Amino acid sequence: MLVLSRRESQRIRLGDSITVTVVRVNGDKVRLGIEAPPEVRVLRDELSPHEIAVAADQAGVAQPAFAPAPAPTSLAV
């Protein structure tokens, strides 16, 4: 896991199309702003799979099947 320190108004870029901005820090709470393309689902980790399905159903969004991430490969030198 990569751990970064950021201050208010500072950003982190994920790839070419996702930006995470520290909007506000208030004590032990941090407010983040996330800019991402519409096809990228941004979800809070504490949501249960049931809550995610209900929210998607209410929004009329089809549930994609999640597959495990591919195993990393090494490059031969």
C-alpha atoms as a PDB file:
ATOM      1  CA  MET A   1       0.000   0.000   0.000  1.00  0.00           C
ATOM      2  CA  LEU A   2       1.287   3.439  -0.917  1.00  0.00           C
ATOM      3  CA  VAL A   3       0.753   5.973   1.889  1.00  0.00           C
ATOM      4  CA  LEU A   4       0.898   9.684   1.042  1.00  0.00           C
ATOM      5  CA  SER A   5       0.615  12.816   3.166  1.00  0.00           C
ATOM      6  CA  ARG A   6      -1.411  15.688   1.742  1.00  0.00           C
ATOM      7  CA  ARG A   7      -2.639  19.032   3.050  1.00  0.00           C
ATOM      8  CA  GLU A   8      -5.885  20.829   2.287  1.00  0.00           C
ATOM      9  CA  SER A   9      -6.282  21.638  -1.423  1.00  0.00           C
ATOM     10  CA  GLN A  10      -3.535  19.210  -2.428  1.00  0.00           C
ATOM     11  CA  ARG A  11      -4.315  16.454  -4.921  1.00  0.00           C
ATOM     12  CA  ILE A  12      -3.418  12.911  -5.810  1.00  0.00           C
ATOM     13  CA  ARG A  13      -3.755  11.634  -9.384  1.00  0.00           C
ATOM     14  CA  LEU A  14      -4.697   8.030 -10.126  1.00  0.00           C
ATOM     15  CA  GLY A  15      -3.862   7.310 -13.721  1.00  0.00           C
ATOM     16  CA  ASP A  16      -4.879   9.904 -16.289  1.00  0.00           C
ATOM     17  CA  SER A  17      -8.528  10.327 -15.380  1.00  0.00           C
ATOM     18  CA  ILE A  18      -8.999  10.240 -11.590  1.00  0.00           C
ATOM     19  CA  THR A  19      -8.098  13.018  -9.158  1.00  0.00           C
ATOM     20  CA  VAL A  20      -8.530  12.926  -5.373  1.00  0.00           C
ATOM     21  CA  THR A  21      -8.453  16.327  -3.634  1.00  0.00           C
ATOM     22  CA  VAL A  22      -8.207  16.946   0.113  1.00  0.00           C
ATOM     23  CA  VAL A  23     -11.090  19.401   0.480  1.00  0.00           C
ATOM     24  CA  ARG A  24     -10.991  19.884   4.253  1.00  0.00           C
ATOM     25  CA  VAL A  25      -9.300  18.511   7.358  1.00  0.00           C
ATOM     26  CA  ASN A  26     -11.239  18.960  10.605  1.00  0.00           C
ATOM     27  CA  GLY A  27      -9.712  17.177  13.598  1.00  0.00           C
ATOM     28  CA  ASP A  28      -9.682  13.459  12.831  1.00  0.00           C
ATOM     29  CA  LYS A  29     -11.974  13.803   9.802  1.00  0.00           C
ATOM     30  CA  VAL A  30     -10.877  14.379   6.230  1.00  0.00           C
ATOM     31  CA  ARG A  31     -13.226  15.439   3.439  1.00  0.00           C
ATOM     32  CA  LEU A  32     -12.137  14.246  -0.008  1.00  0.00           C
ATOM     33  CA  GLY A  33     -13.304  15.320  -3.440  1.00  0.00           C
ATOM     34  CA  ILE A  34     -13.052  12.711  -6.187  1.00  0.00           C
ATOM     35  CA  GLU A  35     -13.131  13.533  -9.889  1.00  0.00           C
ATOM     36  CA  ALA A  36     -13.580  10.446 -12.056  1.00  0.00           C
ATOM     37  CA  PRO A  37     -15.195   9.533 -15.370  1.00  0.00           C
ATOM     38  CA  PRO A  38     -18.856   8.455 -15.114  1.00  0.00           C
ATOM     39  CA  GLU A  39     -18.000   4.841 -15.923  1.00  0.00           C
ATOM     40  CA  VAL A  40     -15.814   4.588 -12.795  1.00  0.00           C
ATOM     41  CA  ARG A  41     -17.806   3.617  -9.705  1.00  0.00           C
ATOM     42  CA  VAL A  42     -16.639   5.357  -6.553  1.00  0.00           C
ATOM     43  CA  LEU A  43     -17.898   3.637  -3.398  1.00  0.00           C
ATOM     44  CA  ARG A  44     -17.191   3.912   0.308  1.00  0.00           C
ATOM     45  CA  ASP A  45     -15.491   0.750   1.518  1.00  0.00           C
ATOM     46  CA  GLU A  46     -17.770   0.346   4.537  1.00  0.00           C
ATOM     47  CA  LEU A  47     -20.851  -0.242   2.363  1.00  0.00           C
ATOM     48  CA  SER A  48     -21.997  -3.841   2.382  1.00  0.00           C
ATOM     49  CA  PRO A  49     -22.518  -5.654  -0.943  1.00  0.00           C
ATOM     50  CA  HIS A  50     -26.272  -5.545  -0.243  1.00  0.00           C
ATOM     51  CA  GLU A  51     -26.240  -1.750   0.237  1.00  0.00           C
ATOM     52  CA  ILE A  52     -24.259  -1.342  -2.976  1.00  0.00           C
ATOM     53  CA  ALA A  53     -26.752  -3.483  -4.908  1.00  0.00           C
ATOM     54  CA  VAL A  54     -29.738  -1.572  -3.474  1.00  0.00           C
ATOM     55  CA  ALA A  55     -28.199   1.817  -4.302  1.00  0.00           C
ATOM     56  CA  ALA A  56     -27.363   0.701  -7.848  1.00  0.00           C
ATOM     57  CA  ASP A  57     -30.868  -0.703  -8.319  1.00  0.00           C
ATOM     58  CA  GLN A  58     -32.425   2.571  -7.154  1.00  0.00           C
ATOM     59  CA  ALA A  59     -30.187   4.485  -9.552  1.00  0.00           C
ATOM     60  CA  GLY A  60     -31.040   2.120 -12.412  1.00  0.00           C
ATOM     61  CA  VAL A  61     -27.440   0.997 -12.783  1.00  0.00           C
ATOM     62  CA  ALA A  62     -26.604  -2.538 -13.866  1.00  0.00           C
ATOM     63  CA  GLN A  63     -24.369  -4.407 -11.454  1.00  0.00           C
ATOM     64  CA  PRO A  64     -21.067  -5.374 -13.078  1.00  0.00           C
ATOM     65  CA  ALA A  65     -19.503  -8.683 -12.183  1.00  0.00           C
ATOM     66  CA  PHE A  66     -16.328  -8.089 -10.228  1.00  0.00           C
ATOM     67  CA  ALA A  67     -13.406 -10.306 -11.149  1.00  0.00           C
ATOM     68  CA  PRO A  68     -10.222 -10.615  -9.125  1.00  0.00           C
ATOM     69  CA  ALA A  69      -7.375  -8.413 -10.248  1.00  0.00           C
ATOM     70  CA  PRO A  70      -4.869 -10.152 -12.495  1.00  0.00           C
ATOM     71  CA  ALA A  71      -1.676 -11.355 -10.854  1.00  0.00           C
ATOM     72  CA  PRO A  72       1.308  -9.043 -11.378  1.00  0.00           C
ATOM     73  CA  THR A  73       3.810 -10.151 -13.961  1.00  0.00           C
ATOM     74  CA  SER A  74       7.546  -9.600 -13.962  1.00  0.00           C
ATOM     75  CA  LEU A  75       9.478  -8.266 -16.898  1.00  0.00           C
ATOM     76  CA  ALA A  76      12.444 -10.261 -18.149  1.00  0.00           C
ATOM     77  CA  VAL A  77      15.600  -8.207 -18.571  1.00  0.00           C
END
